[in-house]
Amino acid sequence: MPEAVTRTKTGIKRLIGSAWLRLNGWRLAGEVPEPRKFVLILAPHTSNWDVPFMLALAWVYGIHIEWMVKESLFRPPLGWLLRKLGGIPIDRRAAHGVVGQMVDAFQEHDTLILGVPPEGTRRRSTYWKTGFYEIARNAGVPIVMGFLDFGNRVGGMGPVLHPTDDVGADMDRIRAFYVDKTGKRPESFTPPRLRIEDEPEALPG
């Protein structure tokens, strides 16, 4: 695609995203880290309304967020649309699993922003899913704390976390950041805690 056309499309998306945020009284906070190769936490995730706000923020930032989708959904007629929206096909039956496939994806791309909603559901649960942490840890890429705070009508990019061997300490940093972030339905937000913090043997590798 010609560079001028790409710039035009990006500019139009930025205008649409900015208009959406202004109409809803929202503002943007934080900068996109460089290099643009990281796992992006998408939280709190409590409502379908999270999607248009996330897209608006991405368009204003001028970034393309990719996300994991099971491979079977990429069949016609939805396949092209899922790819256009950033869907990455995942084969859950693959020998090296979902984490291994995403580690390979990070190794194959110079830039990749992988958006992961670690709550895994819009309903309140006990734990966050460990996938976002395992992918970043095994791929050697940082975790960026993305957020949608409906209470203060602000969203964007928070701190950068480089996973260490101390899962508890890493999660303490994540908990400290999200403690005052409010989802569309606050009662549905799953507090940031991983099962492996209570059951260390559950962490692969």
C-alpha atoms as a PDB file:
ATOM      1  CA  MET A   1       0.000   0.000   0.000  1.00  0.00           C
ATOM      2  CA  PRO A   2       1.438   3.448  -0.932  1.00  0.00           C
ATOM      3  CA  GLU A   3       2.821   5.386   2.027  1.00  0.00           C
ATOM      4  CA  ALA A   4       0.563   8.382   1.351  1.00  0.00           C
ATOM      5  CA  VAL A   5      -2.547   6.168   1.480  1.00  0.00           C
ATOM      6  CA  THR A   6      -1.352   4.576   4.724  1.00  0.00           C
ATOM      7  CA  ARG A   7      -0.785   8.010   6.295  1.00  0.00           C
ATOM      8  CA  THR A   8      -4.236   9.146   5.155  1.00  0.00           C
ATOM      9  CA  LYS A   9      -5.945   6.098   6.669  1.00  0.00           C
ATOM     10  CA  THR A  10      -4.002   6.525   9.911  1.00  0.00           C
ATOM     11  CA  GLY A  11      -4.968  10.213  10.022  1.00  0.00           C
ATOM     12  CA  ILE A  12      -8.652   9.420   9.489  1.00  0.00           C
ATOM     13  CA  LYS A  13      -8.590   6.785  12.235  1.00  0.00           C
ATOM     14  CA  ARG A  14      -6.904   9.241  14.594  1.00  0.00           C
ATOM     15  CA  LEU A  15      -9.621  11.811  13.936  1.00  0.00           C
ATOM     16  CA  ILE A  16     -12.382   9.241  14.510  1.00  0.00           C
ATOM     17  CA  GLY A  17     -10.730   7.981  17.690  1.00  0.00           C
ATOM     18  CA  SER A  18     -10.225  11.505  19.027  1.00  0.00           C
ATOM     19  CA  ALA A  19     -13.839  12.435  18.256  1.00  0.00           C
ATOM     20  CA  TRP A  20     -15.130   9.333  20.065  1.00  0.00           C
ATOM     21  CA  LEU A  21     -13.070  10.120  23.169  1.00  0.00           C
ATOM     22  CA  ARG A  22     -14.115  13.790  23.197  1.00  0.00           C
ATOM     23  CA  LEU A  23     -17.805  12.951  22.770  1.00  0.00           C
ATOM     24  CA  ASN A  24     -17.588  10.625  25.767  1.00  0.00           C
ATOM     25  CA  GLY A  25     -15.515  13.015  27.876  1.00  0.00           C
ATOM     26  CA  TRP A  26     -12.439  10.784  27.879  1.00  0.00           C
ATOM     27  CA  ARG A  27      -8.756  11.667  27.740  1.00  0.00           C
ATOM     28  CA  LEU A  28      -5.598   9.794  26.820  1.00  0.00           C
ATOM     29  CA  ALA A  29      -2.755   9.159  29.265  1.00  0.00           C
ATOM     30  CA  GLY A  30       0.725   7.737  28.751  1.00  0.00           C
ATOM     31  CA  GLU A  31       3.013   7.120  25.806  1.00  0.00           C
ATOM     32  CA  VAL A  32       3.587   4.052  23.640  1.00  0.00           C
ATOM     33  CA  PRO A  33       6.893   2.436  24.692  1.00  0.00           C
ATOM     34  CA  GLU A  34       9.639   1.765  22.186  1.00  0.00           C
ATOM     35  CA  PRO A  35      10.392  -0.638  20.692  1.00  0.00           C
ATOM     36  CA  ARG A  36       6.797  -1.509  19.887  1.00  0.00           C
ATOM     37  CA  LYS A  37       7.220  -5.141  20.826  1.00  0.00           C
ATOM     38  CA  PHE A  38       5.418  -6.031  24.026  1.00  0.00           C
ATOM     39  CA  VAL A  39       2.460  -7.708  25.702  1.00  0.00           C
ATOM     40  CA  LEU A  40      -0.248  -5.140  26.449  1.00  0.00           C
ATOM     41  CA  ILE A  41      -2.530  -5.833  29.407  1.00  0.00           C
ATOM     42  CA  LEU A  42      -6.118  -4.863  28.570  1.00  0.00           C
ATOM     43  CA  ALA A  43      -7.813  -4.220  31.917  1.00  0.00           C
ATOM     44  CA  PRO A  44     -10.203  -3.802  33.564  1.00  0.00           C
ATOM     45  CA  HIS A  45     -12.311  -5.845  31.134  1.00  0.00           C
ATOM     46  CA  THR A  46     -15.904  -5.889  32.387  1.00  0.00           C
ATOM     47  CA  SER A  47     -18.067  -4.879  29.417  1.00  0.00           C
ATOM     48  CA  ASN A  48     -18.421  -5.050  25.640  1.00  0.00           C
ATOM     49  CA  TRP A  49     -18.023  -1.255  25.732  1.00  0.00           C
ATOM     50  CA  ASP A  50     -14.319  -1.862  26.370  1.00  0.00           C
ATOM     51  CA  VAL A  51     -13.822  -2.710  22.694  1.00  0.00           C
ATOM     52  CA  PRO A  52     -14.774   0.635  21.067  1.00  0.00           C
ATOM     53  CA  PHE A  53     -12.799   2.553  23.706  1.00  0.00           C
ATOM     54  CA  MET A  54      -9.769   0.327  23.197  1.00  0.00           C
ATOM     55  CA  LEU A  55      -9.968   0.782  19.424  1.00  0.00           C
ATOM     56  CA  ALA A  56     -10.341   4.558  19.784  1.00  0.00           C
ATOM     57  CA  LEU A  57      -7.263   4.737  22.006  1.00  0.00           C
ATOM     58  CA  ALA A  58      -5.266   2.587  19.587  1.00  0.00           C
ATOM     59  CA  TRP A  59      -6.278   4.803  16.648  1.00  0.00           C
ATOM     60  CA  VAL A  60      -5.275   7.961  18.506  1.00  0.00           C
ATOM     61  CA  TYR A  61      -1.945   6.389  19.410  1.00  0.00           C
ATOM     62  CA  GLY A  62      -1.505   5.288  15.799  1.00  0.00           C
ATOM     63  CA  ILE A  63      -0.846   1.674  16.768  1.00  0.00           C
ATOM     64  CA  HIS A  64      -2.210  -1.687  15.686  1.00  0.00           C
ATOM     65  CA  ILE A  65      -3.054  -4.004  18.574  1.00  0.00           C
ATOM     66  CA  GLU A  66      -3.122  -7.701  17.773  1.00  0.00           C
ATOM     67  CA  TRP A  67      -4.977 -10.334  19.753  1.00  0.00           C
ATOM     68  CA  MET A  68      -5.333 -14.107  19.855  1.00  0.00           C
ATOM     69  CA  VAL A  69      -8.283 -15.818  18.185  1.00  0.00           C
ATOM     70  CA  LYS A  70      -8.865 -19.538  17.780  1.00  0.00           C
ATOM     71  CA  GLU A  71      -7.929 -20.689  14.299  1.00  0.00           C
ATOM     72  CA  SER A  72     -11.338 -22.147  13.421  1.00  0.00           C
ATOM     73  CA  LEU A  73     -12.921 -18.673  13.387  1.00  0.00           C
ATOM     74  CA  PHE A  74     -10.765 -17.553  10.458  1.00  0.00           C
ATOM     75  CA  ARG A  75     -12.850 -19.427   7.933  1.00  0.00           C
ATOM     76  CA  PRO A  76     -14.967 -17.396   5.464  1.00  0.00           C
ATOM     77  CA  PRO A  77     -16.795 -15.107   5.767  1.00  0.00           C
ATOM     78  CA  LEU A  78     -15.287 -13.723   9.016  1.00  0.00           C
ATOM     79  CA  GLY A  79     -11.639 -14.604   8.457  1.00  0.00           C
ATOM     80  CA  TRP A  80     -10.642 -11.487   6.533  1.00  0.00           C
ATOM     81  CA  LEU A  81     -12.370  -9.215   9.053  1.00  0.00           C
ATOM     82  CA  LEU A  82     -10.671 -10.843  12.043  1.00  0.00           C
ATOM     83  CA  ARG A  83      -7.262 -10.411  10.404  1.00  0.00           C
ATOM     84  CA  LYS A  84      -8.077  -6.792   9.560  1.00  0.00           C
ATOM     85  CA  LEU A  85      -8.946  -6.134  13.194  1.00  0.00           C
ATOM     86  CA  GLY A  86      -5.682  -7.659  14.408  1.00  0.00           C
ATOM     87  CA  GLY A  87      -6.667 -11.255  15.045  1.00  0.00           C
ATOM     88  CA  ILE A  88      -3.845 -13.811  15.183  1.00  0.00           C
ATOM     89  CA  PRO A  89      -4.989 -17.405  14.504  1.00  0.00           C
ATOM     90  CA  ILE A  90      -4.118 -19.777  17.352  1.00  0.00           C
ATOM     91  CA  ASP A  91      -4.165 -23.578  17.074  1.00  0.00           C
ATOM     92  CA  ARG A  92      -5.040 -24.799  20.576  1.00  0.00           C
ATOM     93  CA  ARG A  93      -4.062 -28.342  19.562  1.00  0.00           C
ATOM     94  CA  ALA A  94      -0.488 -27.404  18.620  1.00  0.00           C
ATOM     95  CA  ALA A  95       2.209 -29.367  20.456  1.00  0.00           C
ATOM     96  CA  HIS A  96       3.913 -26.251  21.832  1.00  0.00           C
ATOM     97  CA  GLY A  97       0.650 -24.636  22.940  1.00  0.00           C
ATOM     98  CA  VAL A  98      -0.695 -21.111  22.748  1.00  0.00           C
ATOM     99  CA  VAL A  99       2.233 -19.618  24.656  1.00  0.00           C
ATOM    100  CA  GLY A 100       4.727 -21.270  22.320  1.00  0.00           C
ATOM    101  CA  GLN A 101       2.921 -19.971  19.243  1.00  0.00           C
ATOM    102  CA  MET A 102       2.990 -16.416  20.554  1.00  0.00           C
ATOM    103  CA  VAL A 103       6.653 -16.693  21.528  1.00  0.00           C
ATOM    104  CA  ASP A 104       7.321 -17.721  17.915  1.00  0.00           C
ATOM    105  CA  ALA A 105       5.293 -14.729  16.691  1.00  0.00           C
ATOM    106  CA  PHE A 106       7.410 -12.335  18.753  1.00  0.00           C
ATOM    107  CA  GLN A 107      10.576 -13.902  17.372  1.00  0.00           C
ATOM    108  CA  GLU A 108       9.310 -13.538  13.808  1.00  0.00           C
ATOM    109  CA  HIS A 109       8.280  -9.854  14.003  1.00  0.00           C
ATOM    110  CA  ASP A 110      10.242  -6.675  14.590  1.00  0.00           C
ATOM    111  CA  THR A 111       7.127  -5.005  15.998  1.00  0.00           C
ATOM    112  CA  LEU A 112       4.202  -6.700  17.707  1.00  0.00           C
ATOM    113  CA  ILE A 113       1.787  -5.300  20.271  1.00  0.00           C
ATOM    114  CA  LEU A 114      -0.140  -8.259  21.648  1.00  0.00           C
ATOM    115  CA  GLY A 115      -3.237  -7.179  23.557  1.00  0.00           C
ATOM    116  CA  VAL A 116      -4.328  -9.641  26.235  1.00  0.00           C
ATOM    117  CA  PRO A 117      -7.310  -9.257  28.625  1.00  0.00           C
ATOM    118  CA  PRO A 118      -5.900 -11.377  31.481  1.00  0.00           C
ATOM    119  CA  GLU A 119      -9.217 -11.601  33.287  1.00  0.00           C
ATOM    120  CA  GLY A 120     -10.294 -13.940  30.484  1.00  0.00           C
ATOM    121  CA  THR A 121     -13.972 -13.088  31.021  1.00  0.00           C
ATOM    122  CA  ARG A 122     -16.182 -10.080  31.658  1.00  0.00           C
ATOM    123  CA  ARG A 123     -17.477 -11.723  34.840  1.00  0.00           C
ATOM    124  CA  ARG A 124     -15.656 -11.574  38.161  1.00  0.00           C
ATOM    125  CA  SER A 125     -13.428 -14.563  38.796  1.00  0.00           C
ATOM    126  CA  THR A 126     -10.804 -15.613  41.336  1.00  0.00           C
ATOM    127  CA  TYR A 127      -7.637 -15.290  39.272  1.00  0.00           C
ATOM    128  CA  TRP A 128      -6.224 -13.632  36.184  1.00  0.00           C
ATOM    129  CA  LYS A 129      -5.095 -16.016  33.433  1.00  0.00           C
ATOM    130  CA  THR A 130      -1.319 -16.528  33.386  1.00  0.00           C
ATOM    131  CA  GLY A 131      -0.972 -16.392  29.583  1.00  0.00           C
ATOM    132  CA  PHE A 132       0.067 -12.728  29.358  1.00  0.00           C
ATOM    133  CA  TYR A 133       2.814 -13.302  31.925  1.00  0.00           C
ATOM    134  CA  GLU A 134       4.089 -16.581  30.460  1.00  0.00           C
ATOM    135  CA  ILE A 135       4.211 -15.181  26.918  1.00  0.00           C
ATOM    136  CA  ALA A 136       6.189 -12.094  27.966  1.00  0.00           C
ATOM    137  CA  ARG A 137       8.508 -14.114  30.209  1.00  0.00           C
ATOM    138  CA  ASN A 138       9.288 -16.741  27.564  1.00  0.00           C
ATOM    139  CA  ALA A 139       9.502 -14.297  24.651  1.00  0.00           C
ATOM    140  CA  GLY A 140      11.779 -11.928  26.578  1.00  0.00           C
ATOM    141  CA  VAL A 141       9.513  -8.936  25.967  1.00  0.00           C
ATOM    142  CA  PRO A 142       8.075  -6.449  28.488  1.00  0.00           C
ATOM    143  CA  ILE A 143       4.546  -6.176  29.775  1.00  0.00           C
ATOM    144  CA  VAL A 144       2.830  -2.793  29.404  1.00  0.00           C
ATOM    145  CA  MET A 145      -0.077  -1.996  31.712  1.00  0.00           C
ATOM    146  CA  GLY A 146      -2.810  -0.738  29.420  1.00  0.00           C
ATOM    147  CA  PHE A 147      -5.979   0.477  31.084  1.00  0.00           C
ATOM    148  CA  LEU A 148      -9.521   1.765  30.681  1.00  0.00           C
ATOM    149  CA  ASP A 149     -10.584   3.695  33.786  1.00  0.00           C
ATOM    150  CA  PHE A 150     -14.304   4.404  33.406  1.00  0.00           C
ATOM    151  CA  GLY A 151     -14.406   6.080  36.811  1.00  0.00           C
ATOM    152  CA  ASN A 152     -12.130   8.912  35.708  1.00  0.00           C
ATOM    153  CA  ARG A 153     -12.788   8.551  31.963  1.00  0.00           C
ATOM    154  CA  VAL A 154      -9.150   8.086  31.090  1.00  0.00           C
ATOM    155  CA  GLY A 155      -7.337   5.311  29.288  1.00  0.00           C
ATOM    156  CA  GLY A 156      -4.000   4.538  27.763  1.00  0.00           C
ATOM    157  CA  MET A 157      -0.604   3.109  28.631  1.00  0.00           C
ATOM    158  CA  GLY A 158       0.799   2.717  32.135  1.00  0.00           C
ATOM    159  CA  PRO A 159       4.128   1.410  33.467  1.00  0.00           C
ATOM    160  CA  VAL A 160       6.395  -1.051  31.686  1.00  0.00           C
ATOM    161  CA  LEU A 161       7.207  -4.260  33.558  1.00  0.00           C
ATOM    162  CA  HIS A 162      10.039  -6.612  32.649  1.00  0.00           C
ATOM    163  CA  PRO A 163       9.087 -10.003  34.125  1.00  0.00           C
ATOM    164  CA  THR A 164      11.541 -11.355  36.679  1.00  0.00           C
ATOM    165  CA  ASP A 165      11.889 -14.641  38.557  1.00  0.00           C
ATOM    166  CA  ASP A 166       9.806 -13.154  41.383  1.00  0.00           C
ATOM    167  CA  VAL A 167       6.201 -13.553  40.248  1.00  0.00           C
ATOM    168  CA  GLY A 168       4.806 -12.153  43.486  1.00  0.00           C
ATOM    169  CA  ALA A 169       6.859  -8.962  43.256  1.00  0.00           C
ATOM    170  CA  ASP A 170       5.910  -8.496  39.599  1.00  0.00           C
ATOM    171  CA  MET A 171       2.227  -8.927  40.413  1.00  0.00           C
ATOM    172  CA  ASP A 172       2.527  -6.525  43.354  1.00  0.00           C
ATOM    173  CA  ARG A 173       3.550  -3.827  40.862  1.00  0.00           C
ATOM    174  CA  ILE A 174       0.583  -4.700  38.657  1.00  0.00           C
ATOM    175  CA  ARG A 175      -1.800  -4.691  41.630  1.00  0.00           C
ATOM    176  CA  ALA A 176      -0.512  -1.309  42.760  1.00  0.00           C
ATOM    177  CA  PHE A 177      -1.218   0.179  39.345  1.00  0.00           C
ATOM    178  CA  TYR A 178      -4.731  -1.212  38.895  1.00  0.00           C
ATOM    179  CA  VAL A 179      -5.908  -0.628  42.465  1.00  0.00           C
ATOM    180  CA  ASP A 180      -7.624   2.656  41.527  1.00  0.00           C
ATOM    181  CA  LYS A 181      -8.728   1.731  37.995  1.00  0.00           C
ATOM    182  CA  THR A 182     -12.485   1.244  37.591  1.00  0.00           C
ATOM    183  CA  GLY A 183     -14.152  -0.828  34.886  1.00  0.00           C
ATOM    184  CA  LYS A 184     -17.521  -0.111  33.291  1.00  0.00           C
ATOM    185  CA  ARG A 185     -19.001  -2.610  35.754  1.00  0.00           C
ATOM    186  CA  PRO A 186     -16.725  -2.390  38.822  1.00  0.00           C
ATOM    187  CA  GLU A 187     -18.325  -5.377  40.529  1.00  0.00           C
ATOM    188  CA  SER A 188     -17.213  -7.612  37.643  1.00  0.00           C
ATOM    189  CA  PHE A 189     -13.507  -6.763  37.796  1.00  0.00           C
ATOM    190  CA  THR A 190     -11.269  -9.687  38.781  1.00  0.00           C
ATOM    191  CA  PRO A 191      -8.483  -8.463  41.105  1.00  0.00           C
ATOM    192  CA  PRO A 192      -4.971  -8.963  39.657  1.00  0.00           C
ATOM    193  CA  ARG A 193      -3.803 -12.248  41.129  1.00  0.00           C
ATOM    194  CA  LEU A 194      -2.422 -15.347  39.427  1.00  0.00           C
ATOM    195  CA  ARG A 195      -3.102 -18.901  40.498  1.00  0.00           C
ATOM    196  CA  ILE A 196       0.650 -19.526  40.433  1.00  0.00           C
ATOM    197  CA  GLU A 197       1.059 -17.111  43.339  1.00  0.00           C
ATOM    198  CA  ASP A 198      -0.855 -19.592  45.488  1.00  0.00           C
ATOM    199  CA  GLU A 199       0.236 -22.683  43.568  1.00  0.00           C
ATOM    200  CA  PRO A 200       3.812 -22.045  42.293  1.00  0.00           C
ATOM    201  CA  GLU A 201       3.991 -25.489  40.694  1.00  0.00           C
ATOM    202  CA  ALA A 202       1.357 -24.310  38.187  1.00  0.00           C
ATOM    203  CA  LEU A 203       3.883 -22.127  36.295  1.00  0.00           C
ATOM    204  CA  PRO A 204       5.247 -24.012  33.244  1.00  0.00           C
ATOM    205  CA  GLY A 205       8.992 -23.862  32.635  1.00  0.00           C
END
